N, C-alpha and C. Protein backbone atom coordinates (compact mmCIF):
# COMPACT_ATOMS: atom_id res chain seq x y z
N MET A 1 67.66 94.57 97.49
CA MET A 1 69.03 94.14 97.28
C MET A 1 69.82 95.23 96.62
N SER A 2 71.12 95.27 96.98
CA SER A 2 71.97 96.30 96.39
C SER A 2 72.49 95.87 95.04
N ALA A 3 73.07 96.79 94.33
CA ALA A 3 73.63 96.50 93.01
C ALA A 3 74.79 95.52 93.14
N LEU A 4 75.54 95.61 94.23
CA LEU A 4 76.69 94.70 94.42
C LEU A 4 76.19 93.26 94.59
N HIS A 5 75.09 93.07 95.32
CA HIS A 5 74.52 91.74 95.46
C HIS A 5 74.09 91.16 94.12
N ASP A 6 73.62 92.03 93.25
CA ASP A 6 73.14 91.58 91.95
C ASP A 6 74.31 91.24 91.02
N THR A 7 75.38 92.06 91.07
CA THR A 7 76.49 91.84 90.12
C THR A 7 77.52 90.83 90.64
N ASP A 8 77.81 90.83 91.94
CA ASP A 8 78.81 89.91 92.48
C ASP A 8 78.39 89.45 93.87
N PRO A 9 77.58 88.43 93.97
CA PRO A 9 77.09 87.98 95.24
C PRO A 9 78.19 87.50 96.20
N GLN A 10 79.25 86.94 95.65
CA GLN A 10 80.35 86.46 96.51
C GLN A 10 81.04 87.64 97.18
N LEU A 11 81.36 88.66 96.41
CA LEU A 11 81.99 89.84 96.99
C LEU A 11 81.04 90.55 97.97
N ALA A 12 79.78 90.61 97.63
CA ALA A 12 78.80 91.22 98.54
C ALA A 12 78.76 90.47 99.88
N GLY A 13 78.85 89.15 99.82
CA GLY A 13 78.88 88.36 101.07
C GLY A 13 80.11 88.69 101.91
N LEU A 14 81.25 88.85 101.25
CA LEU A 14 82.48 89.20 101.98
C LEU A 14 82.40 90.58 102.61
N VAL A 15 81.82 91.52 101.87
CA VAL A 15 81.63 92.87 102.41
C VAL A 15 80.67 92.85 103.60
N ASP A 16 79.60 92.11 103.49
CA ASP A 16 78.66 91.99 104.60
C ASP A 16 79.32 91.36 105.83
N ALA A 17 80.11 90.29 105.62
CA ALA A 17 80.80 89.63 106.71
C ALA A 17 81.78 90.58 107.41
N GLU A 18 82.48 91.39 106.61
CA GLU A 18 83.43 92.34 107.18
C GLU A 18 82.71 93.42 107.97
N ARG A 19 81.58 93.85 107.44
CA ARG A 19 80.78 94.87 108.13
C ARG A 19 80.28 94.34 109.49
N ARG A 20 79.83 93.08 109.49
CA ARG A 20 79.39 92.49 110.77
C ARG A 20 80.57 92.34 111.73
N ARG A 21 81.73 91.91 111.22
CA ARG A 21 82.91 91.76 112.07
C ARG A 21 83.30 93.09 112.71
N GLN A 22 83.29 94.15 111.97
CA GLN A 22 83.69 95.46 112.51
C GLN A 22 82.65 95.95 113.50
N PHE A 23 81.39 95.60 113.32
CA PHE A 23 80.35 96.02 114.25
C PHE A 23 80.37 95.21 115.54
N ASP A 24 80.66 93.91 115.43
CA ASP A 24 80.57 92.99 116.59
C ASP A 24 81.83 92.91 117.41
N VAL A 25 82.98 93.25 116.85
CA VAL A 25 84.26 93.01 117.50
C VAL A 25 84.94 94.33 117.84
N LEU A 26 85.35 94.45 119.07
CA LEU A 26 86.12 95.62 119.48
C LEU A 26 87.59 95.24 119.49
N ARG A 27 88.37 95.92 118.66
CA ARG A 27 89.80 95.65 118.59
C ARG A 27 90.55 96.80 119.27
N LEU A 28 91.32 96.48 120.24
CA LEU A 28 92.11 97.47 120.94
C LEU A 28 93.52 97.43 120.43
N ILE A 29 94.12 98.60 120.26
CA ILE A 29 95.48 98.69 119.80
C ILE A 29 96.36 98.95 121.02
N PRO A 30 97.25 98.05 121.34
CA PRO A 30 98.09 98.25 122.50
C PRO A 30 99.05 99.42 122.28
N SER A 31 99.30 100.16 123.34
CA SER A 31 100.24 101.27 123.22
C SER A 31 101.02 101.37 124.54
N GLU A 32 102.13 102.00 124.44
CA GLU A 32 102.95 102.25 125.63
C GLU A 32 102.63 103.63 126.15
N ASN A 33 102.60 103.76 127.45
CA ASN A 33 102.29 105.05 128.07
C ASN A 33 103.54 105.67 128.69
N TYR A 34 104.62 105.57 127.97
CA TYR A 34 105.86 106.16 128.47
C TYR A 34 106.06 107.54 127.88
N VAL A 35 106.52 108.46 128.68
CA VAL A 35 106.79 109.82 128.24
C VAL A 35 108.32 110.00 128.22
N SER A 36 108.78 110.66 127.22
CA SER A 36 110.22 110.91 127.17
C SER A 36 110.61 111.80 128.36
N PRO A 37 111.83 111.65 128.87
CA PRO A 37 112.25 112.46 130.01
C PRO A 37 112.14 113.98 129.78
N ARG A 38 112.33 114.42 128.57
CA ARG A 38 112.25 115.86 128.31
C ARG A 38 110.81 116.38 128.42
N CYS A 39 109.83 115.50 128.23
CA CYS A 39 108.42 115.94 128.28
C CYS A 39 107.77 115.71 129.64
N SER A 40 108.36 114.85 130.47
CA SER A 40 107.72 114.53 131.73
C SER A 40 107.84 115.70 132.70
N PRO A 41 106.81 115.89 133.53
CA PRO A 41 106.86 116.97 134.49
C PRO A 41 107.92 116.70 135.60
N ARG A 42 108.51 117.76 136.05
CA ARG A 42 109.54 117.62 137.09
C ARG A 42 108.85 117.58 138.46
N PRO A 43 109.43 116.84 139.38
CA PRO A 43 108.81 116.79 140.74
C PRO A 43 108.80 118.18 141.40
N ALA A 44 107.69 118.43 142.06
CA ALA A 44 107.54 119.70 142.76
C ALA A 44 108.37 119.67 144.07
N ARG A 45 108.90 120.83 144.39
CA ARG A 45 109.63 120.94 145.66
C ARG A 45 108.74 121.59 146.70
N CYS A 46 108.74 121.03 147.87
CA CYS A 46 107.93 121.62 148.95
C CYS A 46 108.81 122.40 149.89
């Protein structure tokens, strides 16, 4: 057992639960894939 489990079992349980949550759950952060007009490539001319 860790020192945290010995001194504060309730907090240790919360830390363990959070560790399991982060290991078991994949959280994706949505983002926009828009490029500003100044940065976008210009169409090639043939």
